N, C-alpha and C. Protein backbone atom coordinates (compact mmCIF):
# COMPACT_ATOMS: atom_id res chain seq x y z
N MET A 1 -45.74 -12.64 -90.66
CA MET A 1 -44.79 -13.28 -91.54
C MET A 1 -43.48 -13.50 -90.78
N LEU A 2 -43.00 -14.74 -90.84
CA LEU A 2 -41.78 -15.11 -90.12
C LEU A 2 -40.57 -15.05 -91.04
N ASP A 3 -39.41 -14.68 -90.47
CA ASP A 3 -38.17 -14.74 -91.24
C ASP A 3 -37.64 -16.18 -91.20
N ASN A 4 -36.50 -16.42 -91.81
CA ASN A 4 -35.93 -17.77 -91.89
C ASN A 4 -35.56 -18.35 -90.54
N GLU A 5 -35.38 -17.49 -89.53
CA GLU A 5 -35.00 -17.96 -88.19
C GLU A 5 -36.20 -18.14 -87.27
N GLY A 6 -37.40 -17.82 -87.74
CA GLY A 6 -38.61 -18.00 -86.93
C GLY A 6 -39.04 -16.78 -86.14
N TYR A 7 -38.56 -15.59 -86.55
CA TYR A 7 -38.93 -14.35 -85.85
C TYR A 7 -39.91 -13.53 -86.70
N ARG A 8 -40.91 -12.98 -86.04
CA ARG A 8 -41.89 -12.11 -86.69
C ARG A 8 -41.43 -10.66 -86.58
N SER A 9 -41.48 -9.92 -87.68
CA SER A 9 -41.12 -8.50 -87.68
C SER A 9 -42.16 -7.70 -86.90
N ASN A 10 -41.67 -6.79 -86.09
CA ASN A 10 -42.52 -6.09 -85.14
C ASN A 10 -41.94 -4.69 -84.91
N VAL A 11 -42.79 -3.76 -84.51
CA VAL A 11 -42.32 -2.44 -84.09
C VAL A 11 -42.68 -2.25 -82.62
N GLY A 12 -41.77 -1.64 -81.89
CA GLY A 12 -42.02 -1.25 -80.51
C GLY A 12 -42.05 0.27 -80.45
N ILE A 13 -42.87 0.82 -79.55
CA ILE A 13 -43.07 2.26 -79.50
C ILE A 13 -42.87 2.78 -78.08
N ILE A 14 -41.92 3.67 -77.92
CA ILE A 14 -41.71 4.35 -76.65
C ILE A 14 -42.15 5.80 -76.85
N ILE A 15 -43.21 6.18 -76.14
CA ILE A 15 -43.73 7.54 -76.22
C ILE A 15 -43.29 8.28 -74.96
N VAL A 16 -42.70 9.45 -75.14
CA VAL A 16 -42.31 10.27 -73.99
C VAL A 16 -43.10 11.57 -73.99
N ASN A 17 -43.37 12.06 -72.77
CA ASN A 17 -44.05 13.35 -72.64
C ASN A 17 -43.01 14.45 -72.44
N CYS A 18 -43.45 15.66 -72.11
CA CYS A 18 -42.54 16.80 -71.95
C CYS A 18 -41.59 16.64 -70.76
N ARG A 19 -41.91 15.74 -69.83
CA ARG A 19 -41.05 15.47 -68.67
C ARG A 19 -40.16 14.24 -68.90
N ASN A 20 -40.13 13.73 -70.14
CA ASN A 20 -39.38 12.53 -70.52
C ASN A 20 -39.82 11.29 -69.75
N GLU A 21 -41.09 11.27 -69.35
CA GLU A 21 -41.69 10.07 -68.78
C GLU A 21 -42.20 9.23 -69.95
N VAL A 22 -42.27 7.92 -69.75
CA VAL A 22 -42.69 7.01 -70.81
C VAL A 22 -44.12 6.53 -70.60
N PHE A 23 -44.81 6.30 -71.70
CA PHE A 23 -46.18 5.78 -71.70
C PHE A 23 -46.13 4.27 -71.50
N LEU A 24 -46.92 3.78 -70.54
CA LEU A 24 -47.09 2.34 -70.35
C LEU A 24 -48.58 2.02 -70.43
N GLY A 25 -48.91 0.97 -71.14
CA GLY A 25 -50.29 0.50 -71.21
C GLY A 25 -50.44 -0.79 -70.45
N LYS A 26 -51.60 -0.96 -69.80
CA LYS A 26 -51.89 -2.21 -69.08
C LYS A 26 -52.70 -3.11 -70.00
N ARG A 27 -52.16 -4.28 -70.27
CA ARG A 27 -52.85 -5.23 -71.16
C ARG A 27 -54.25 -5.50 -70.63
N ILE A 28 -55.20 -5.53 -71.53
CA ILE A 28 -56.60 -5.66 -71.16
C ILE A 28 -56.83 -6.93 -70.33
N LYS A 29 -57.50 -6.77 -69.21
CA LYS A 29 -57.87 -7.84 -68.28
C LYS A 29 -56.66 -8.59 -67.71
N GLU A 30 -55.48 -7.96 -67.70
CA GLU A 30 -54.28 -8.56 -67.12
C GLU A 30 -53.63 -7.51 -66.23
N ASN A 31 -52.72 -7.95 -65.39
CA ASN A 31 -51.93 -7.01 -64.61
C ASN A 31 -50.52 -6.96 -65.20
N ALA A 32 -50.45 -6.68 -66.50
CA ALA A 32 -49.18 -6.65 -67.22
C ALA A 32 -49.06 -5.32 -67.95
N TRP A 33 -47.99 -4.61 -67.68
CA TRP A 33 -47.74 -3.30 -68.29
C TRP A 33 -46.70 -3.44 -69.38
N GLN A 34 -46.87 -2.68 -70.46
CA GLN A 34 -45.91 -2.73 -71.55
C GLN A 34 -46.00 -1.49 -72.41
N PHE A 35 -45.01 -1.34 -73.29
CA PHE A 35 -45.04 -0.31 -74.31
C PHE A 35 -45.92 -0.82 -75.46
N PRO A 36 -46.51 0.10 -76.23
CA PRO A 36 -47.23 -0.34 -77.42
C PRO A 36 -46.28 -1.05 -78.38
N GLN A 37 -46.78 -2.06 -79.05
CA GLN A 37 -45.98 -2.77 -80.04
C GLN A 37 -46.92 -3.57 -80.92
N GLY A 38 -46.41 -3.99 -82.08
CA GLY A 38 -47.23 -4.82 -82.94
C GLY A 38 -46.52 -5.23 -84.20
N GLY A 39 -47.10 -6.19 -84.88
CA GLY A 39 -46.50 -6.78 -86.07
C GLY A 39 -46.52 -5.87 -87.29
N VAL A 40 -45.57 -6.12 -88.17
CA VAL A 40 -45.48 -5.42 -89.44
C VAL A 40 -46.21 -6.26 -90.47
N LYS A 41 -47.19 -5.67 -91.13
CA LYS A 41 -47.96 -6.39 -92.15
C LYS A 41 -47.20 -6.44 -93.46
N TYR A 42 -47.50 -7.45 -94.28
CA TYR A 42 -46.86 -7.61 -95.58
C TYR A 42 -47.02 -6.33 -96.40
N GLY A 43 -45.91 -5.83 -96.97
CA GLY A 43 -45.93 -4.64 -97.81
C GLY A 43 -45.89 -3.32 -97.05
N GLU A 44 -45.88 -3.38 -95.74
CA GLU A 44 -45.91 -2.18 -94.91
C GLU A 44 -44.48 -1.82 -94.52
N CYS A 45 -44.11 -0.54 -94.62
CA CYS A 45 -42.79 -0.13 -94.13
C CYS A 45 -42.87 0.01 -92.61
N LEU A 46 -41.73 0.08 -91.96
CA LEU A 46 -41.69 0.13 -90.50
C LEU A 46 -42.42 1.34 -89.94
N GLU A 47 -42.25 2.49 -90.56
CA GLU A 47 -42.92 3.71 -90.07
C GLU A 47 -44.44 3.58 -90.22
N GLU A 48 -44.91 3.01 -91.32
CA GLU A 48 -46.35 2.80 -91.50
C GLU A 48 -46.89 1.87 -90.42
N ALA A 49 -46.15 0.80 -90.15
CA ALA A 49 -46.58 -0.15 -89.11
C ALA A 49 -46.62 0.55 -87.75
N MET A 50 -45.63 1.39 -87.48
CA MET A 50 -45.59 2.09 -86.19
C MET A 50 -46.80 3.00 -86.04
N TYR A 51 -47.12 3.78 -87.07
CA TYR A 51 -48.27 4.69 -86.98
C TYR A 51 -49.59 3.91 -86.87
N ARG A 52 -49.70 2.79 -87.58
CA ARG A 52 -50.91 1.98 -87.49
C ARG A 52 -51.08 1.43 -86.08
N GLU A 53 -50.01 0.86 -85.53
CA GLU A 53 -50.06 0.30 -84.17
C GLU A 53 -50.31 1.39 -83.14
N LEU A 54 -49.69 2.55 -83.34
CA LEU A 54 -49.89 3.68 -82.43
C LEU A 54 -51.38 4.04 -82.35
N TYR A 55 -52.03 4.08 -83.50
CA TYR A 55 -53.46 4.40 -83.50
C TYR A 55 -54.29 3.25 -82.92
N GLU A 56 -54.01 2.02 -83.35
CA GLU A 56 -54.80 0.87 -82.89
C GLU A 56 -54.72 0.69 -81.38
N GLU A 57 -53.55 0.90 -80.80
CA GLU A 57 -53.37 0.61 -79.37
C GLU A 57 -53.56 1.82 -78.47
N VAL A 58 -53.26 3.02 -78.97
CA VAL A 58 -53.25 4.20 -78.11
C VAL A 58 -54.18 5.30 -78.62
N GLY A 59 -54.63 5.18 -79.87
CA GLY A 59 -55.54 6.18 -80.42
C GLY A 59 -54.86 7.45 -80.88
N LEU A 60 -53.52 7.47 -80.88
CA LEU A 60 -52.80 8.67 -81.31
C LEU A 60 -52.56 8.65 -82.81
N LYS A 61 -52.63 9.82 -83.42
CA LYS A 61 -52.42 9.99 -84.85
C LYS A 61 -51.06 10.65 -85.07
N PRO A 62 -50.56 10.62 -86.32
CA PRO A 62 -49.24 11.22 -86.59
C PRO A 62 -49.10 12.67 -86.10
N GLU A 63 -50.17 13.44 -86.15
CA GLU A 63 -50.07 14.84 -85.70
C GLU A 63 -49.94 14.99 -84.19
N HIS A 64 -50.16 13.91 -83.45
CA HIS A 64 -50.04 13.94 -81.99
C HIS A 64 -48.62 13.65 -81.49
N VAL A 65 -47.75 13.17 -82.39
CA VAL A 65 -46.41 12.76 -81.99
C VAL A 65 -45.36 13.25 -82.98
N LYS A 66 -44.12 13.22 -82.52
CA LYS A 66 -42.97 13.53 -83.38
C LYS A 66 -41.97 12.40 -83.19
N ILE A 67 -41.49 11.83 -84.29
CA ILE A 67 -40.45 10.79 -84.21
C ILE A 67 -39.14 11.47 -83.84
N ILE A 68 -38.52 11.02 -82.76
CA ILE A 68 -37.22 11.61 -82.39
C ILE A 68 -36.08 10.60 -82.47
N GLY A 69 -36.40 9.33 -82.75
CA GLY A 69 -35.35 8.34 -82.92
C GLY A 69 -35.91 6.96 -83.14
N ARG A 70 -34.99 6.05 -83.45
CA ARG A 70 -35.33 4.64 -83.58
C ARG A 70 -34.06 3.82 -83.40
N THR A 71 -34.23 2.56 -83.05
CA THR A 71 -33.06 1.70 -82.90
C THR A 71 -32.43 1.47 -84.27
N LYS A 72 -31.12 1.28 -84.26
CA LYS A 72 -30.39 1.10 -85.52
C LYS A 72 -30.69 -0.26 -86.15
N GLY A 73 -30.81 -1.28 -85.32
CA GLY A 73 -31.02 -2.63 -85.84
C GLY A 73 -32.15 -3.33 -85.11
N TRP A 74 -32.38 -4.57 -85.50
CA TRP A 74 -33.43 -5.39 -84.90
C TRP A 74 -33.01 -5.86 -83.51
N LEU A 75 -33.93 -5.81 -82.57
CA LEU A 75 -33.74 -6.39 -81.24
C LEU A 75 -34.66 -7.61 -81.17
N HIS A 76 -34.13 -8.73 -80.70
CA HIS A 76 -34.88 -9.99 -80.70
C HIS A 76 -35.24 -10.46 -79.30
N TYR A 77 -36.40 -11.09 -79.19
CA TYR A 77 -36.71 -11.84 -77.97
C TYR A 77 -37.46 -13.11 -78.34
N ASN A 78 -37.21 -14.14 -77.55
CA ASN A 78 -37.89 -15.42 -77.74
C ASN A 78 -39.13 -15.44 -76.86
N VAL A 79 -40.18 -16.06 -77.38
CA VAL A 79 -41.43 -16.20 -76.65
C VAL A 79 -41.49 -17.63 -76.10
N PRO A 80 -41.68 -17.78 -74.78
CA PRO A 80 -41.78 -19.14 -74.22
C PRO A 80 -42.91 -19.93 -74.89
N SER A 81 -42.69 -21.23 -75.06
CA SER A 81 -43.64 -22.06 -75.80
C SER A 81 -45.05 -22.05 -75.20
N ASN A 82 -45.17 -21.84 -73.89
CA ASN A 82 -46.51 -21.81 -73.30
C ASN A 82 -47.31 -20.57 -73.70
N PHE A 83 -46.66 -19.57 -74.34
CA PHE A 83 -47.34 -18.38 -74.83
C PHE A 83 -47.65 -18.47 -76.33
N VAL A 84 -47.19 -19.56 -76.97
CA VAL A 84 -47.33 -19.71 -78.42
C VAL A 84 -48.43 -20.73 -78.71
N ARG A 85 -49.26 -20.42 -79.72
CA ARG A 85 -50.29 -21.36 -80.14
C ARG A 85 -49.64 -22.68 -80.54
N LYS A 86 -50.27 -23.77 -80.17
CA LYS A 86 -49.73 -25.11 -80.40
C LYS A 86 -49.33 -25.33 -81.86
N GLU A 87 -50.15 -24.89 -82.79
CA GLU A 87 -49.89 -25.13 -84.22
C GLU A 87 -48.70 -24.32 -84.74
N SER A 88 -48.25 -23.31 -84.00
CA SER A 88 -47.14 -22.46 -84.45
C SER A 88 -45.81 -22.81 -83.78
N ARG A 89 -45.82 -23.69 -82.81
CA ARG A 89 -44.61 -23.92 -81.98
C ARG A 89 -43.42 -24.42 -82.76
N SER A 90 -43.61 -25.14 -83.85
CA SER A 90 -42.46 -25.71 -84.56
C SER A 90 -41.66 -24.66 -85.31
N GLN A 91 -42.31 -23.59 -85.82
CA GLN A 91 -41.56 -22.60 -86.57
C GLN A 91 -41.35 -21.27 -85.86
N TYR A 92 -42.25 -20.86 -84.99
CA TYR A 92 -42.21 -19.54 -84.37
C TYR A 92 -41.29 -19.51 -83.15
N LYS A 93 -40.32 -18.57 -83.15
CA LYS A 93 -39.42 -18.40 -82.00
C LYS A 93 -39.79 -17.17 -81.17
N GLY A 94 -40.14 -16.08 -81.87
CA GLY A 94 -40.42 -14.85 -81.15
C GLY A 94 -40.52 -13.66 -82.07
N GLN A 95 -40.10 -12.50 -81.54
CA GLN A 95 -40.23 -11.24 -82.26
C GLN A 95 -38.85 -10.64 -82.53
N LYS A 96 -38.75 -9.96 -83.66
CA LYS A 96 -37.61 -9.07 -83.91
C LYS A 96 -38.23 -7.70 -84.08
N GLN A 97 -37.66 -6.72 -83.36
CA GLN A 97 -38.30 -5.42 -83.28
C GLN A 97 -37.36 -4.27 -83.61
N ILE A 98 -37.93 -3.30 -84.30
CA ILE A 98 -37.32 -1.97 -84.40
C ILE A 98 -38.12 -1.10 -83.45
N TRP A 99 -37.43 -0.36 -82.59
CA TRP A 99 -38.10 0.49 -81.60
C TRP A 99 -38.04 1.94 -82.03
N PHE A 100 -39.19 2.61 -81.95
CA PHE A 100 -39.31 4.04 -82.25
C PHE A 100 -39.45 4.81 -80.95
N LEU A 101 -38.80 5.96 -80.89
CA LEU A 101 -38.93 6.89 -79.77
C LEU A 101 -39.72 8.08 -80.27
N LEU A 102 -40.88 8.32 -79.65
CA LEU A 102 -41.77 9.40 -80.06
C LEU A 102 -41.95 10.40 -78.93
N ARG A 103 -42.07 11.66 -79.31
CA ARG A 103 -42.41 12.72 -78.36
C ARG A 103 -43.89 13.05 -78.55
N LEU A 104 -44.66 13.00 -77.47
CA LEU A 104 -46.06 13.41 -77.53
C LEU A 104 -46.08 14.92 -77.68
N VAL A 105 -46.63 15.41 -78.80
CA VAL A 105 -46.77 16.85 -78.99
C VAL A 105 -48.23 17.26 -78.82
N GLY A 106 -49.11 16.28 -78.74
CA GLY A 106 -50.50 16.54 -78.41
C GLY A 106 -50.64 16.58 -76.91
N SER A 107 -51.82 16.23 -76.42
CA SER A 107 -52.04 16.24 -74.97
C SER A 107 -52.50 14.86 -74.51
N ASP A 108 -52.48 14.67 -73.19
CA ASP A 108 -52.92 13.40 -72.62
C ASP A 108 -54.34 13.05 -73.08
N SER A 109 -55.17 14.06 -73.28
CA SER A 109 -56.56 13.81 -73.67
C SER A 109 -56.68 13.25 -75.10
N ASP A 110 -55.59 13.29 -75.87
CA ASP A 110 -55.60 12.69 -77.21
C ASP A 110 -55.50 11.16 -77.15
N VAL A 111 -55.03 10.62 -76.04
CA VAL A 111 -54.93 9.17 -75.88
C VAL A 111 -56.34 8.58 -75.81
N CYS A 112 -56.58 7.56 -76.61
CA CYS A 112 -57.88 6.89 -76.63
C CYS A 112 -57.64 5.39 -76.77
N LEU A 113 -57.77 4.67 -75.68
CA LEU A 113 -57.50 3.23 -75.70
C LEU A 113 -58.57 2.44 -76.45
N TYR A 114 -59.70 3.07 -76.73
CA TYR A 114 -60.80 2.37 -77.39
C TYR A 114 -61.06 2.96 -78.78
N ALA A 115 -59.99 3.33 -79.49
CA ALA A 115 -60.11 3.90 -80.83
C ALA A 115 -60.54 2.85 -81.85
N THR A 116 -60.29 1.59 -81.55
CA THR A 116 -60.66 0.49 -82.44
C THR A 116 -61.52 -0.52 -81.67
N PRO A 117 -62.20 -1.40 -82.38
CA PRO A 117 -63.08 -2.37 -81.71
C PRO A 117 -62.35 -3.43 -80.87
N SER A 118 -61.05 -3.58 -81.06
CA SER A 118 -60.29 -4.60 -80.32
C SER A 118 -59.15 -3.95 -79.53
N PRO A 119 -59.47 -3.31 -78.41
CA PRO A 119 -58.42 -2.62 -77.65
C PRO A 119 -57.40 -3.59 -77.05
N GLU A 120 -56.16 -3.13 -76.95
CA GLU A 120 -55.07 -3.91 -76.34
C GLU A 120 -54.92 -3.59 -74.86
N PHE A 121 -55.20 -2.32 -74.50
CA PHE A 121 -54.98 -1.84 -73.15
C PHE A 121 -56.30 -1.38 -72.53
N ASP A 122 -56.40 -1.51 -71.18
CA ASP A 122 -57.57 -0.97 -70.50
C ASP A 122 -57.21 0.13 -69.50
N ALA A 123 -55.92 0.46 -69.41
CA ALA A 123 -55.45 1.56 -68.56
C ALA A 123 -54.08 1.98 -69.08
N TRP A 124 -53.67 3.19 -68.69
CA TRP A 124 -52.34 3.65 -69.07
C TRP A 124 -51.83 4.62 -68.01
N LYS A 125 -50.51 4.84 -68.04
CA LYS A 125 -49.89 5.76 -67.09
C LYS A 125 -48.57 6.27 -67.66
N TRP A 126 -48.09 7.36 -67.09
CA TRP A 126 -46.75 7.85 -67.37
C TRP A 126 -45.83 7.28 -66.29
N SER A 127 -44.65 6.87 -66.70
CA SER A 127 -43.69 6.28 -65.76
C SER A 127 -42.32 6.89 -66.01
N HIS A 128 -41.47 6.80 -65.01
CA HIS A 128 -40.08 7.22 -65.15
C HIS A 128 -39.47 6.55 -66.37
N TYR A 129 -38.59 7.24 -67.10
CA TYR A 129 -37.98 6.68 -68.32
C TYR A 129 -37.39 5.30 -68.06
N TRP A 130 -36.66 5.16 -66.99
CA TRP A 130 -36.05 3.87 -66.68
C TRP A 130 -37.09 3.03 -65.94
N VAL A 131 -38.07 2.58 -66.70
CA VAL A 131 -39.20 1.81 -66.19
C VAL A 131 -38.69 0.68 -65.30
N PRO A 132 -39.33 0.50 -64.15
CA PRO A 132 -38.92 -0.65 -63.33
C PRO A 132 -39.14 -1.92 -64.15
N LEU A 133 -38.05 -2.51 -64.60
CA LEU A 133 -38.15 -3.64 -65.52
C LEU A 133 -38.86 -4.84 -64.91
N GLU A 134 -38.94 -4.89 -63.57
CA GLU A 134 -39.66 -6.01 -62.96
C GLU A 134 -41.16 -5.95 -63.24
N ASP A 135 -41.68 -4.79 -63.70
CA ASP A 135 -43.09 -4.68 -64.08
C ASP A 135 -43.35 -5.27 -65.47
N ILE A 136 -42.30 -5.48 -66.24
CA ILE A 136 -42.41 -5.98 -67.61
C ILE A 136 -42.27 -7.50 -67.58
N ILE A 137 -43.08 -8.18 -68.41
CA ILE A 137 -43.02 -9.64 -68.45
C ILE A 137 -41.58 -10.08 -68.72
N GLU A 138 -41.14 -11.09 -68.02
CA GLU A 138 -39.73 -11.47 -67.97
C GLU A 138 -39.08 -11.66 -69.34
N PHE A 139 -39.74 -12.33 -70.27
CA PHE A 139 -39.08 -12.63 -71.54
C PHE A 139 -38.89 -11.40 -72.44
N LYS A 140 -39.50 -10.25 -72.09
CA LYS A 140 -39.31 -9.02 -72.87
C LYS A 140 -38.33 -8.05 -72.22
N ARG A 141 -37.93 -8.30 -70.99
CA ARG A 141 -37.12 -7.32 -70.24
C ARG A 141 -35.82 -6.94 -70.92
N SER A 142 -35.12 -7.89 -71.46
CA SER A 142 -33.82 -7.62 -72.08
C SER A 142 -33.98 -6.68 -73.27
N VAL A 143 -35.01 -6.91 -74.10
CA VAL A 143 -35.24 -6.04 -75.25
C VAL A 143 -35.63 -4.64 -74.79
N TYR A 144 -36.48 -4.54 -73.77
CA TYR A 144 -36.85 -3.22 -73.24
C TYR A 144 -35.60 -2.48 -72.77
N GLU A 145 -34.75 -3.17 -72.05
CA GLU A 145 -33.53 -2.54 -71.54
C GLU A 145 -32.63 -2.09 -72.68
N GLN A 146 -32.46 -2.94 -73.69
CA GLN A 146 -31.63 -2.58 -74.84
C GLN A 146 -32.19 -1.35 -75.56
N ALA A 147 -33.50 -1.33 -75.79
CA ALA A 147 -34.13 -0.20 -76.48
C ALA A 147 -33.99 1.08 -75.66
N LEU A 148 -34.27 1.01 -74.37
CA LEU A 148 -34.17 2.20 -73.52
C LEU A 148 -32.74 2.74 -73.48
N ILE A 149 -31.76 1.85 -73.38
CA ILE A 149 -30.36 2.29 -73.35
C ILE A 149 -29.99 2.96 -74.67
N GLU A 150 -30.28 2.29 -75.80
CA GLU A 150 -29.90 2.85 -77.10
C GLU A 150 -30.58 4.20 -77.35
N LEU A 151 -31.86 4.30 -77.03
CA LEU A 151 -32.60 5.53 -77.33
C LEU A 151 -32.36 6.64 -76.31
N SER A 152 -31.83 6.29 -75.13
CA SER A 152 -31.56 7.33 -74.12
C SER A 152 -30.52 8.33 -74.60
N SER A 153 -29.59 7.89 -75.44
CA SER A 153 -28.56 8.81 -75.94
C SER A 153 -29.16 9.88 -76.83
N ILE A 154 -30.28 9.61 -77.45
CA ILE A 154 -30.99 10.59 -78.27
C ILE A 154 -31.77 11.55 -77.39
N LEU A 155 -32.43 10.99 -76.38
CA LEU A 155 -33.34 11.77 -75.54
C LEU A 155 -32.60 12.65 -74.53
N PHE A 156 -31.54 12.11 -73.94
CA PHE A 156 -30.86 12.85 -72.88
C PHE A 156 -29.57 13.42 -73.41
């Protein structure tokens, strides 16, 4: 569902381990690394969307994580037209995201990239909190940087 400006509501998820390293997933059949994220369905609150996406993309359940923060407001990014379906180009601009910061309280073995029939990632790794932004697709870098900066004050 798009807002009046052409942005789809979305949640982004930054998972940290006990060493404050961040979880990165590699998009299936691509050499693109990113944080878990996904759209908010109609009637779903942001926290519900976050837990659903967390399970769909990473296989983690609420008992495996603890929410330690979230961004105060929406962070926006535009999606280049070559990434947008032709029929959606006239109205769709991109994503507006609320980012959640989660602490993994379970173990690495709780991660299951194939928890659902349509996996998003085919590999994952822990990375330094200040992820090398050049590994992130260019049009998302600014939002990643904004989220990491805002949430770092909670974590550190």
